């Protein structure tokens, strides 16, 4: 029992806990990039959206470049996982196109090296995993007269070009109401055949 006249003790202070602030900032950044592009990204705005101090995002990412690098690394990791699920090169291309459609903000940042810390370990590791998955898919195809490395460049160019044109609405006319993945399968089938 507390003696009369003595104020009750202050409850112990609980540290401020946002949950997963890193994930919240990444999600908010992806929303901004999808709507307005990477140039619209501001750590101060992301902090406001997350309801934290303007310095909080810097704790996790250091600066804007660090945040974009983390987004690119996450994107390459997701892409590597998608490519590894493919049974052959054509389906790897379909998964590449699907990845771009489902993760347009990641896709924008991943292939903008001027926005990223090129030597970041998480980024280089994730990029290597995606490259390995693509090389594995290409290994089952032997286009006549093309060395395997160039076959990989050709496959990547087809999938990346198609995805980029699709996201930019440049294929709205040619693709029309058809499923873009089916259109890509048809295009890939004309250029590559499974081993």
N, C-alpha and C. Protein backbone atom coordinates (compact mmCIF):
# COMPACT_ATOMS: atom_id res chain seq x y z
N UNK A 1 0.84 -1.17 0.00
CA UNK A 1 0.00 0.00 0.00
C UNK A 1 0.89 1.23 0.00
N UNK A 2 0.51 2.24 -0.80
CA UNK A 2 1.27 3.48 -0.89
C UNK A 2 0.82 4.40 0.22
N UNK A 3 1.80 4.93 0.99
CA UNK A 3 1.41 5.84 2.07
C UNK A 3 0.73 7.07 1.50
N UNK A 4 -0.23 7.62 2.27
CA UNK A 4 -0.93 8.82 1.84
C UNK A 4 0.05 9.96 1.72
N UNK A 5 -0.16 10.77 0.69
CA UNK A 5 0.71 11.92 0.48
C UNK A 5 1.92 11.61 -0.38
N UNK A 6 2.20 10.35 -0.61
CA UNK A 6 3.33 9.99 -1.46
C UNK A 6 2.82 9.71 -2.86
N UNK A 7 3.34 10.43 -3.86
CA UNK A 7 2.85 10.19 -5.22
C UNK A 7 3.24 8.80 -5.69
N UNK A 8 2.39 8.17 -6.49
CA UNK A 8 2.73 6.84 -6.99
C UNK A 8 3.96 6.91 -7.88
N UNK A 9 4.70 5.85 -7.88
CA UNK A 9 5.91 5.80 -8.71
C UNK A 9 5.53 5.83 -10.18
N UNK A 10 6.38 6.49 -10.96
CA UNK A 10 6.15 6.52 -12.41
C UNK A 10 6.29 5.11 -12.95
N UNK A 11 5.41 4.76 -13.89
CA UNK A 11 5.58 3.43 -14.49
C UNK A 11 6.89 3.38 -15.26
N UNK A 12 7.50 2.22 -15.33
CA UNK A 12 8.76 2.15 -16.07
C UNK A 12 8.55 2.55 -17.53
N UNK A 13 9.51 3.28 -18.06
CA UNK A 13 9.41 3.72 -19.46
C UNK A 13 9.63 2.56 -20.40
N UNK A 14 8.73 2.49 -21.33
CA UNK A 14 8.89 1.46 -22.35
C UNK A 14 9.51 2.12 -23.57
N UNK A 15 10.49 1.48 -24.17
CA UNK A 15 11.09 2.08 -25.35
C UNK A 15 10.07 2.14 -26.49
N UNK A 16 10.21 3.19 -27.29
CA UNK A 16 9.34 3.34 -28.45
C UNK A 16 9.59 2.17 -29.38
N UNK A 17 8.49 1.54 -29.82
CA UNK A 17 8.64 0.38 -30.70
C UNK A 17 7.69 0.54 -31.87
N UNK A 18 8.23 0.60 -33.06
CA UNK A 18 7.42 0.78 -34.26
C UNK A 18 7.02 -0.54 -34.87
N UNK A 19 7.63 -1.60 -34.46
CA UNK A 19 7.44 -2.87 -35.15
C UNK A 19 8.64 -3.06 -36.05
N UNK A 20 8.40 -3.35 -37.29
CA UNK A 20 9.50 -3.51 -38.23
C UNK A 20 9.64 -2.22 -39.04
N UNK A 21 10.36 -1.26 -38.47
CA UNK A 21 10.51 0.04 -39.10
C UNK A 21 11.22 -0.08 -40.45
N UNK A 22 12.21 -0.94 -40.54
CA UNK A 22 12.93 -1.11 -41.80
C UNK A 22 11.96 -1.52 -42.91
N UNK A 23 11.12 -2.51 -42.62
CA UNK A 23 10.15 -2.98 -43.61
C UNK A 23 9.13 -1.89 -43.94
N UNK A 24 8.69 -1.15 -42.92
CA UNK A 24 7.72 -0.08 -43.15
C UNK A 24 8.30 0.99 -44.08
N UNK A 25 9.56 1.32 -43.90
CA UNK A 25 10.20 2.32 -44.75
C UNK A 25 10.37 1.78 -46.17
N UNK A 26 10.80 0.53 -46.29
CA UNK A 26 10.93 -0.08 -47.62
C UNK A 26 9.60 -0.11 -48.35
N UNK A 27 8.54 -0.49 -47.65
CA UNK A 27 7.21 -0.55 -48.27
C UNK A 27 6.75 0.82 -48.72
N UNK A 28 6.94 1.82 -47.87
CA UNK A 28 6.56 3.18 -48.24
C UNK A 28 7.39 3.66 -49.43
N UNK A 29 8.68 3.34 -49.44
CA UNK A 29 9.54 3.74 -50.56
C UNK A 29 9.09 3.09 -51.86
N UNK A 30 8.73 1.81 -51.80
CA UNK A 30 8.26 1.11 -53.00
C UNK A 30 6.98 1.75 -53.53
N UNK A 31 6.10 2.17 -52.63
CA UNK A 31 4.87 2.84 -53.05
C UNK A 31 5.18 4.16 -53.76
N UNK A 32 6.10 4.93 -53.20
CA UNK A 32 6.48 6.21 -53.80
C UNK A 32 7.10 5.99 -55.18
N UNK A 33 8.00 5.02 -55.28
CA UNK A 33 8.68 4.75 -56.55
C UNK A 33 7.69 4.27 -57.59
N UNK A 34 6.78 3.38 -57.21
CA UNK A 34 5.78 2.88 -58.17
C UNK A 34 4.90 4.01 -58.69
N UNK A 35 4.58 4.97 -57.84
CA UNK A 35 3.69 6.06 -58.24
C UNK A 35 4.42 7.18 -58.98
N UNK A 36 5.65 7.51 -58.52
CA UNK A 36 6.31 8.71 -59.03
C UNK A 36 7.75 8.54 -59.46
N UNK A 37 8.29 7.32 -59.36
CA UNK A 37 9.67 7.08 -59.76
C UNK A 37 10.65 7.32 -58.62
N UNK A 38 11.88 6.83 -58.79
CA UNK A 38 12.89 6.95 -57.73
C UNK A 38 13.27 8.39 -57.39
N UNK A 39 13.14 9.29 -58.34
CA UNK A 39 13.54 10.68 -58.08
C UNK A 39 12.65 11.34 -57.04
N UNK A 40 11.44 10.83 -56.82
CA UNK A 40 10.51 11.41 -55.86
C UNK A 40 10.79 10.97 -54.42
N UNK A 41 11.76 10.08 -54.25
CA UNK A 41 12.02 9.49 -52.94
C UNK A 41 12.74 10.47 -52.02
N UNK A 42 12.22 10.61 -50.80
CA UNK A 42 12.82 11.48 -49.77
C UNK A 42 12.74 10.76 -48.43
N UNK A 43 13.86 10.64 -47.75
CA UNK A 43 13.86 9.98 -46.44
C UNK A 43 12.97 10.73 -45.45
N UNK A 44 12.97 12.05 -45.53
CA UNK A 44 12.14 12.86 -44.62
C UNK A 44 10.66 12.55 -44.84
N UNK A 45 10.25 12.45 -46.12
CA UNK A 45 8.86 12.11 -46.43
C UNK A 45 8.52 10.69 -45.95
N UNK A 46 9.44 9.76 -46.13
CA UNK A 46 9.20 8.39 -45.68
C UNK A 46 9.06 8.33 -44.17
N UNK A 47 9.86 9.11 -43.45
CA UNK A 47 9.76 9.15 -42.00
C UNK A 47 8.39 9.69 -41.59
N UNK A 48 7.94 10.73 -42.26
CA UNK A 48 6.62 11.29 -41.97
C UNK A 48 5.53 10.25 -42.21
N UNK A 49 5.62 9.53 -43.32
CA UNK A 49 4.63 8.49 -43.64
C UNK A 49 4.61 7.39 -42.59
N UNK A 50 5.80 7.05 -42.07
CA UNK A 50 5.90 5.98 -41.07
C UNK A 50 5.61 6.47 -39.65
N UNK A 51 5.48 7.81 -39.50
CA UNK A 51 5.19 8.36 -38.19
C UNK A 51 6.36 8.30 -37.23
N UNK A 52 7.58 8.45 -37.78
CA UNK A 52 8.78 8.42 -36.94
C UNK A 52 9.59 9.69 -37.19
N UNK A 53 10.62 9.89 -36.38
CA UNK A 53 11.46 11.08 -36.55
C UNK A 53 12.15 11.06 -37.90
N UNK A 54 12.51 12.22 -38.38
CA UNK A 54 13.14 12.29 -39.71
C UNK A 54 14.49 11.60 -39.74
N UNK A 55 15.08 11.35 -38.58
CA UNK A 55 16.38 10.68 -38.53
C UNK A 55 16.25 9.15 -38.52
N UNK A 56 15.07 8.64 -38.25
CA UNK A 56 14.89 7.18 -38.11
C UNK A 56 15.27 6.40 -39.36
N UNK A 57 14.87 6.82 -40.57
CA UNK A 57 15.26 6.04 -41.76
C UNK A 57 16.78 5.95 -41.94
N UNK A 58 17.48 7.01 -41.57
CA UNK A 58 18.94 7.01 -41.71
C UNK A 58 19.58 5.96 -40.80
N UNK A 59 18.92 5.63 -39.71
CA UNK A 59 19.44 4.59 -38.81
C UNK A 59 19.52 3.25 -39.53
N UNK A 60 18.56 2.98 -40.40
CA UNK A 60 18.51 1.71 -41.10
C UNK A 60 19.23 1.72 -42.45
N UNK A 61 19.22 2.87 -43.12
CA UNK A 61 19.73 2.91 -44.50
C UNK A 61 20.85 3.91 -44.73
N UNK A 62 21.17 4.70 -43.75
CA UNK A 62 22.21 5.74 -43.83
C UNK A 62 21.75 6.93 -44.65
N UNK A 63 21.38 6.68 -45.91
CA UNK A 63 20.95 7.77 -46.78
C UNK A 63 20.07 7.22 -47.89
N UNK A 64 19.68 8.08 -48.80
CA UNK A 64 18.79 7.71 -49.91
C UNK A 64 19.41 6.61 -50.78
N UNK A 65 20.71 6.72 -51.04
CA UNK A 65 21.40 5.71 -51.83
C UNK A 65 21.36 4.36 -51.13
N UNK A 66 21.54 4.36 -49.83
CA UNK A 66 21.46 3.12 -49.06
C UNK A 66 20.09 2.48 -49.15
N UNK A 67 19.05 3.32 -49.09
CA UNK A 67 17.68 2.81 -49.21
C UNK A 67 17.45 2.21 -50.60
N UNK A 68 17.86 2.92 -51.63
CA UNK A 68 17.68 2.40 -53.00
C UNK A 68 18.49 1.13 -53.21
N UNK A 69 19.66 1.05 -52.62
CA UNK A 69 20.49 -0.15 -52.73
C UNK A 69 19.80 -1.33 -52.05
N UNK A 70 19.19 -1.08 -50.89
CA UNK A 70 18.45 -2.14 -50.19
C UNK A 70 17.26 -2.61 -51.03
N UNK A 71 16.59 -1.70 -51.70
CA UNK A 71 15.46 -2.06 -52.57
C UNK A 71 15.96 -2.92 -53.73
N UNK A 72 17.06 -2.52 -54.34
CA UNK A 72 17.60 -3.29 -55.46
C UNK A 72 18.03 -4.68 -55.01
N UNK A 73 18.68 -4.76 -53.86
CA UNK A 73 19.12 -6.07 -53.35
C UNK A 73 17.92 -6.96 -53.09
N UNK A 74 16.90 -6.41 -52.48
CA UNK A 74 15.69 -7.20 -52.24
C UNK A 74 15.09 -7.65 -53.58
N UNK A 75 15.07 -6.76 -54.55
CA UNK A 75 14.52 -7.11 -55.86
C UNK A 75 15.29 -8.22 -56.54
N UNK A 76 16.61 -8.16 -56.52
CA UNK A 76 17.40 -9.23 -57.13
C UNK A 76 17.19 -10.55 -56.40
N UNK A 77 17.02 -10.50 -55.09
CA UNK A 77 16.73 -11.72 -54.35
C UNK A 77 15.39 -12.33 -54.76
N UNK A 78 14.38 -11.49 -54.89
CA UNK A 78 13.06 -11.96 -55.34
C UNK A 78 13.13 -12.50 -56.76
N UNK A 79 13.88 -11.82 -57.62
CA UNK A 79 14.02 -12.26 -59.00
C UNK A 79 14.74 -13.61 -59.06
N UNK A 80 15.80 -13.77 -58.29
CA UNK A 80 16.53 -15.04 -58.27
C UNK A 80 15.60 -16.18 -57.86
N UNK A 81 14.79 -15.96 -56.83
CA UNK A 81 13.85 -16.99 -56.38
C UNK A 81 12.85 -17.33 -57.48
N UNK A 82 12.36 -16.32 -58.18
CA UNK A 82 11.40 -16.55 -59.26
C UNK A 82 12.04 -17.33 -60.40
N UNK A 83 13.25 -16.99 -60.77
CA UNK A 83 13.93 -17.67 -61.88
C UNK A 83 14.25 -19.12 -61.53
N UNK A 84 14.61 -19.38 -60.27
CA UNK A 84 14.95 -20.75 -59.87
C UNK A 84 13.77 -21.69 -59.96
N UNK A 85 12.55 -21.16 -59.90
CA UNK A 85 11.35 -21.99 -59.98
C UNK A 85 11.04 -22.44 -61.41
N UNK A 86 11.69 -21.83 -62.39
CA UNK A 86 11.37 -22.10 -63.79
C UNK A 86 11.95 -23.42 -64.25
N UNK A 87 11.16 -24.23 -64.96
CA UNK A 87 11.66 -25.52 -65.44
C UNK A 87 12.53 -25.41 -66.69
N UNK A 88 12.44 -24.28 -67.41
CA UNK A 88 13.24 -24.12 -68.62
C UNK A 88 13.43 -22.63 -68.92
N UNK A 89 14.16 -22.34 -69.97
CA UNK A 89 14.49 -20.96 -70.30
C UNK A 89 13.26 -20.13 -70.62
N UNK A 90 12.34 -20.68 -71.39
CA UNK A 90 11.15 -19.93 -71.76
C UNK A 90 10.38 -19.52 -70.51
N UNK A 91 10.22 -20.46 -69.58
CA UNK A 91 9.48 -20.16 -68.35
C UNK A 91 10.28 -19.22 -67.44
N UNK A 92 11.60 -19.27 -67.52
CA UNK A 92 12.41 -18.29 -66.77
C UNK A 92 12.11 -16.89 -67.28
N UNK A 93 11.99 -16.76 -68.60
CA UNK A 93 11.63 -15.46 -69.17
C UNK A 93 10.25 -15.01 -68.75
N UNK A 94 9.30 -15.94 -68.71
CA UNK A 94 7.95 -15.61 -68.26
C UNK A 94 7.99 -15.13 -66.82
N UNK A 95 8.77 -15.80 -65.98
CA UNK A 95 8.86 -15.39 -64.58
C UNK A 95 9.55 -14.04 -64.44
N UNK A 96 10.48 -13.76 -65.32
CA UNK A 96 11.14 -12.44 -65.33
C UNK A 96 10.11 -11.36 -65.63
N UNK A 97 9.30 -11.59 -66.66
CA UNK A 97 8.26 -10.62 -67.03
C UNK A 97 7.25 -10.49 -65.89
N UNK A 98 6.86 -11.61 -65.30
CA UNK A 98 5.91 -11.58 -64.17
C UNK A 98 6.49 -10.79 -63.01
N UNK A 99 7.77 -11.04 -62.71
CA UNK A 99 8.42 -10.30 -61.63
C UNK A 99 8.33 -8.80 -61.89
N UNK A 100 8.64 -8.36 -63.10
CA UNK A 100 8.60 -6.93 -63.43
C UNK A 100 7.19 -6.37 -63.25
N UNK A 101 6.19 -7.13 -63.63
CA UNK A 101 4.81 -6.67 -63.50
C UNK A 101 4.37 -6.61 -62.04
N UNK A 102 4.81 -7.58 -61.24
CA UNK A 102 4.40 -7.64 -59.84
C UNK A 102 5.24 -6.74 -58.93
N UNK A 103 6.44 -6.40 -59.37
CA UNK A 103 7.36 -5.58 -58.56
C UNK A 103 7.94 -4.44 -59.39
N UNK A 104 7.08 -3.56 -59.92
CA UNK A 104 7.59 -2.52 -60.83
C UNK A 104 8.57 -1.54 -60.18
N UNK A 105 8.38 -1.25 -58.90
CA UNK A 105 9.30 -0.32 -58.23
C UNK A 105 10.68 -0.95 -58.06
N UNK A 106 10.72 -2.21 -57.64
CA UNK A 106 12.01 -2.91 -57.56
C UNK A 106 12.68 -2.88 -58.94
N UNK A 107 11.91 -3.24 -59.96
CA UNK A 107 12.44 -3.35 -61.31
C UNK A 107 13.06 -2.03 -61.78
N UNK A 108 12.41 -0.92 -61.48
CA UNK A 108 12.95 0.40 -61.86
C UNK A 108 14.31 0.66 -61.23
N UNK A 109 14.43 0.29 -59.96
CA UNK A 109 15.64 0.61 -59.20
C UNK A 109 16.78 -0.36 -59.50
N UNK A 110 16.46 -1.62 -59.69
CA UNK A 110 17.49 -2.65 -59.86
C UNK A 110 18.43 -2.37 -61.02
N UNK A 111 17.92 -1.77 -62.06
CA UNK A 111 18.72 -1.58 -63.27
C UNK A 111 19.08 -0.10 -63.49
N UNK A 112 19.22 0.62 -62.38
CA UNK A 112 19.64 2.02 -62.41
C UNK A 112 20.91 2.14 -61.58
N UNK A 113 22.06 1.68 -62.11
CA UNK A 113 23.28 1.63 -61.29
C UNK A 113 23.72 2.97 -60.73
N UNK A 114 23.36 4.07 -61.36
CA UNK A 114 23.73 5.38 -60.85
C UNK A 114 23.06 5.73 -59.54
N UNK A 115 22.03 4.98 -59.17
CA UNK A 115 21.31 5.24 -57.92
C UNK A 115 21.81 4.39 -56.76
N UNK A 116 22.70 3.42 -57.06
CA UNK A 116 23.03 2.38 -56.09
C UNK A 116 24.50 2.41 -55.66
N UNK A 117 24.77 1.77 -54.52
CA UNK A 117 26.15 1.50 -54.09
C UNK A 117 26.56 0.18 -54.72
N UNK A 118 27.30 0.26 -55.79
CA UNK A 118 27.62 -0.91 -56.60
C UNK A 118 28.35 -2.00 -55.83
N UNK A 119 29.14 -1.65 -54.84
CA UNK A 119 29.94 -2.62 -54.11
C UNK A 119 29.27 -3.15 -52.84
N UNK A 120 28.03 -2.77 -52.61
CA UNK A 120 27.31 -3.24 -51.43
C UNK A 120 27.23 -4.76 -51.46
N UNK A 121 27.61 -5.41 -50.37
CA UNK A 121 27.67 -6.87 -50.33
C UNK A 121 26.31 -7.52 -50.54
N UNK A 122 25.28 -6.99 -49.89
CA UNK A 122 23.94 -7.56 -50.06
C UNK A 122 23.49 -7.46 -51.52
N UNK A 123 23.78 -6.33 -52.15
CA UNK A 123 23.41 -6.14 -53.55
C UNK A 123 24.20 -7.06 -54.47
N UNK A 124 25.51 -7.12 -54.30
CA UNK A 124 26.31 -7.95 -55.20
C UNK A 124 25.97 -9.43 -55.04
N UNK A 125 25.67 -9.85 -53.82
CA UNK A 125 25.29 -11.24 -53.58
C UNK A 125 23.96 -11.56 -54.26
N UNK A 126 22.96 -10.71 -54.07
CA UNK A 126 21.64 -10.95 -54.66
C UNK A 126 21.71 -10.90 -56.19
N UNK A 127 22.49 -9.95 -56.70
CA UNK A 127 22.65 -9.84 -58.16
C UNK A 127 23.32 -11.10 -58.72
N UNK A 128 24.30 -11.62 -58.02
CA UNK A 128 24.98 -12.84 -58.46
C UNK A 128 24.03 -14.03 -58.45
N UNK A 129 23.17 -14.12 -57.43
CA UNK A 129 22.20 -15.21 -57.37
C UNK A 129 21.24 -15.16 -58.55
N UNK A 130 20.79 -13.96 -58.91
CA UNK A 130 19.89 -13.82 -60.06
C UNK A 130 20.62 -14.19 -61.34
N UNK A 131 21.87 -13.76 -61.46
CA UNK A 131 22.66 -14.12 -62.64
C UNK A 131 22.89 -15.61 -62.75
N UNK A 132 23.16 -16.25 -61.63
CA UNK A 132 23.34 -17.71 -61.62
C UNK A 132 22.07 -18.43 -62.06
N UNK A 133 20.92 -17.94 -61.58
CA UNK A 133 19.65 -18.57 -61.94
C UNK A 133 19.39 -18.42 -63.44
N UNK A 134 19.72 -17.27 -64.00
CA UNK A 134 19.55 -17.08 -65.44
C UNK A 134 20.50 -17.98 -66.23
N UNK A 135 21.77 -18.05 -65.79
CA UNK A 135 22.73 -18.92 -66.48
C UNK A 135 22.29 -20.38 -66.43
N UNK A 136 21.73 -20.79 -65.31
CA UNK A 136 21.24 -22.17 -65.19
C UNK A 136 20.11 -22.43 -66.19
N UNK A 137 19.22 -21.47 -66.33
CA UNK A 137 18.11 -21.64 -67.29
C UNK A 137 18.64 -21.69 -68.72
N UNK A 138 19.64 -20.89 -69.02
CA UNK A 138 20.20 -20.84 -70.38
C UNK A 138 20.99 -22.11 -70.68
N UNK A 139 21.52 -22.77 -69.65
CA UNK A 139 22.38 -23.94 -69.88
C UNK A 139 21.64 -25.07 -70.60
N UNK A 140 20.31 -25.09 -70.51
CA UNK A 140 19.55 -26.15 -71.17
C UNK A 140 19.25 -25.85 -72.63
N UNK A 141 19.71 -24.72 -73.12
CA UNK A 141 19.42 -24.31 -74.50
C UNK A 141 20.73 -24.10 -75.25
N UNK A 142 20.80 -24.61 -76.44
CA UNK A 142 22.02 -24.48 -77.24
C UNK A 142 21.67 -23.93 -78.63
N UNK A 143 21.40 -22.62 -78.72
CA UNK A 143 21.13 -22.08 -80.05
C UNK A 143 22.36 -22.28 -80.95
N UNK A 144 22.11 -22.70 -82.15
CA UNK A 144 23.21 -23.01 -83.07
C UNK A 144 24.05 -21.77 -83.35
N UNK A 145 25.35 -21.94 -83.18
CA UNK A 145 26.29 -20.88 -83.50
C UNK A 145 26.42 -19.79 -82.46
N UNK A 146 25.77 -19.93 -81.31
CA UNK A 146 25.86 -18.90 -80.26
C UNK A 146 26.46 -19.53 -79.01
N UNK A 147 27.53 -18.91 -78.51
CA UNK A 147 28.13 -19.42 -77.28
C UNK A 147 27.18 -19.20 -76.12
N UNK A 148 27.26 -20.03 -75.08
CA UNK A 148 26.30 -19.96 -73.97
C UNK A 148 26.18 -18.58 -73.33
N UNK A 149 27.30 -17.90 -73.17
CA UNK A 149 27.23 -16.57 -72.53
C UNK A 149 26.40 -15.61 -73.37
N UNK A 150 26.59 -15.62 -74.68
CA UNK A 150 25.81 -14.74 -75.55
C UNK A 150 24.35 -15.18 -75.62
N UNK A 151 24.11 -16.48 -75.50
CA UNK A 151 22.73 -16.96 -75.44
C UNK A 151 22.04 -16.38 -74.20
N UNK A 152 22.78 -16.30 -73.10
CA UNK A 152 22.24 -15.69 -71.88
C UNK A 152 21.93 -14.22 -72.07
N UNK A 153 22.81 -13.52 -72.77
CA UNK A 153 22.57 -12.10 -73.05
C UNK A 153 21.33 -11.95 -73.92
N UNK A 154 21.19 -12.82 -74.92
CA UNK A 154 20.02 -12.75 -75.80
C UNK A 154 18.73 -13.02 -75.02
N UNK A 155 18.75 -14.04 -74.16
CA UNK A 155 17.55 -14.36 -73.37
C UNK A 155 17.21 -13.23 -72.41
N UNK A 156 18.22 -12.69 -71.75
CA UNK A 156 17.99 -11.59 -70.82
C UNK A 156 17.47 -10.38 -71.56
N UNK A 157 18.06 -10.08 -72.71
CA UNK A 157 17.64 -8.92 -73.49
C UNK A 157 16.17 -9.05 -73.90
N UNK A 158 15.78 -10.23 -74.32
CA UNK A 158 14.39 -10.43 -74.74
C UNK A 158 13.45 -10.22 -73.56
N UNK A 159 13.73 -10.87 -72.43
CA UNK A 159 12.84 -10.76 -71.26
C UNK A 159 12.85 -9.34 -70.70
N UNK A 160 14.04 -8.76 -70.56
CA UNK A 160 14.14 -7.42 -69.97
C UNK A 160 13.51 -6.38 -70.90
N UNK A 161 13.80 -6.49 -72.18
CA UNK A 161 13.21 -5.54 -73.13
C UNK A 161 11.70 -5.63 -73.16
N UNK A 162 11.19 -6.85 -73.20
CA UNK A 162 9.74 -7.04 -73.21
C UNK A 162 9.12 -6.45 -71.94
N UNK A 163 9.72 -6.77 -70.78
CA UNK A 163 9.19 -6.27 -69.50
C UNK A 163 9.23 -4.75 -69.44
N UNK A 164 10.33 -4.15 -69.88
CA UNK A 164 10.47 -2.70 -69.85
C UNK A 164 9.45 -2.03 -70.76
N UNK A 165 9.30 -2.55 -71.96
CA UNK A 165 8.31 -1.99 -72.89
C UNK A 165 6.89 -2.17 -72.35
N UNK A 166 6.64 -3.30 -71.73
CA UNK A 166 5.32 -3.58 -71.16
C UNK A 166 5.00 -2.60 -70.04
N UNK A 167 5.94 -2.41 -69.11
CA UNK A 167 5.71 -1.49 -67.99
C UNK A 167 5.54 -0.05 -68.45
N UNK A 168 6.20 0.31 -69.55
CA UNK A 168 6.08 1.66 -70.09
C UNK A 168 4.86 1.84 -70.98
N UNK A 169 4.01 0.83 -71.05
CA UNK A 169 2.78 0.85 -71.87
C UNK A 169 3.08 0.99 -73.35
N UNK A 170 4.27 0.63 -73.77
CA UNK A 170 4.62 0.68 -75.18
C UNK A 170 4.10 -0.52 -75.95
N UNK A 171 3.64 -1.55 -75.24
CA UNK A 171 3.11 -2.74 -75.90
C UNK A 171 1.60 -2.85 -75.79
N UNK A 172 0.96 -1.79 -75.33
CA UNK A 172 -0.49 -1.84 -75.17
C UNK A 172 -1.19 -2.20 -76.49
N UNK A 173 -0.75 -1.60 -77.58
CA UNK A 173 -1.34 -1.90 -78.89
C UNK A 173 -1.06 -3.31 -79.35
N UNK A 174 0.21 -3.69 -79.47
CA UNK A 174 0.52 -5.03 -79.97
C UNK A 174 0.02 -6.17 -79.09
N UNK A 175 0.07 -5.99 -77.77
CA UNK A 175 -0.37 -7.05 -76.87
C UNK A 175 -1.89 -7.03 -76.73
N UNK A 176 -2.46 -5.84 -76.69
CA UNK A 176 -3.91 -5.70 -76.58
C UNK A 176 -4.44 -6.36 -75.33
N UNK A 177 -5.51 -7.13 -75.48
CA UNK A 177 -6.16 -7.78 -74.34
C UNK A 177 -5.53 -9.13 -74.00
N UNK A 178 -4.55 -9.55 -74.79
CA UNK A 178 -3.94 -10.87 -74.53
C UNK A 178 -3.10 -10.84 -73.27
N UNK A 179 -2.92 -12.01 -72.69
CA UNK A 179 -2.08 -12.16 -71.50
C UNK A 179 -0.63 -11.91 -71.91
N UNK A 180 0.03 -10.90 -71.31
CA UNK A 180 1.42 -10.61 -71.68
C UNK A 180 2.36 -11.80 -71.51
N UNK A 181 2.09 -12.65 -70.53
CA UNK A 181 2.96 -13.81 -70.33
C UNK A 181 2.83 -14.79 -71.49
N UNK A 182 1.61 -14.96 -72.00
CA UNK A 182 1.42 -15.84 -73.16
C UNK A 182 2.07 -15.25 -74.40
N UNK A 183 1.98 -13.95 -74.55
CA UNK A 183 2.63 -13.29 -75.69
C UNK A 183 4.14 -13.50 -75.60
N UNK A 184 4.69 -13.36 -74.39
CA UNK A 184 6.13 -13.57 -74.23
C UNK A 184 6.51 -15.01 -74.54
N UNK A 185 5.70 -15.97 -74.07
CA UNK A 185 5.99 -17.39 -74.38
C UNK A 185 6.08 -17.61 -75.88
N UNK A 186 5.17 -17.01 -76.63
CA UNK A 186 5.18 -17.16 -78.08
C UNK A 186 6.45 -16.57 -78.68
N UNK A 187 6.80 -15.37 -78.24
CA UNK A 187 8.02 -14.72 -78.75
C UNK A 187 9.26 -15.54 -78.41
N UNK A 188 9.34 -15.98 -77.16
CA UNK A 188 10.51 -16.75 -76.73
C UNK A 188 10.59 -18.06 -77.48
N UNK A 189 9.46 -18.66 -77.76
CA UNK A 189 9.42 -19.92 -78.49
C UNK A 189 9.96 -19.81 -79.89
N UNK A 190 9.85 -18.63 -80.49
CA UNK A 190 10.37 -18.45 -81.85
C UNK A 190 11.89 -18.31 -81.85
N UNK A 191 12.46 -17.93 -80.70
CA UNK A 191 13.90 -17.70 -80.65
C UNK A 191 14.70 -18.80 -79.97
N UNK A 192 14.09 -19.45 -78.98
CA UNK A 192 14.80 -20.46 -78.21
C UNK A 192 13.95 -21.72 -78.13
N UNK A 193 14.58 -22.83 -78.23
CA UNK A 193 13.86 -24.10 -78.02
C UNK A 193 14.57 -24.86 -76.91
N UNK A 194 13.82 -25.55 -76.10
CA UNK A 194 14.41 -26.28 -74.97
C UNK A 194 15.35 -27.33 -75.50
N UNK A 195 16.43 -27.58 -74.71
CA UNK A 195 17.48 -28.52 -75.09
C UNK A 195 16.93 -29.84 -75.46
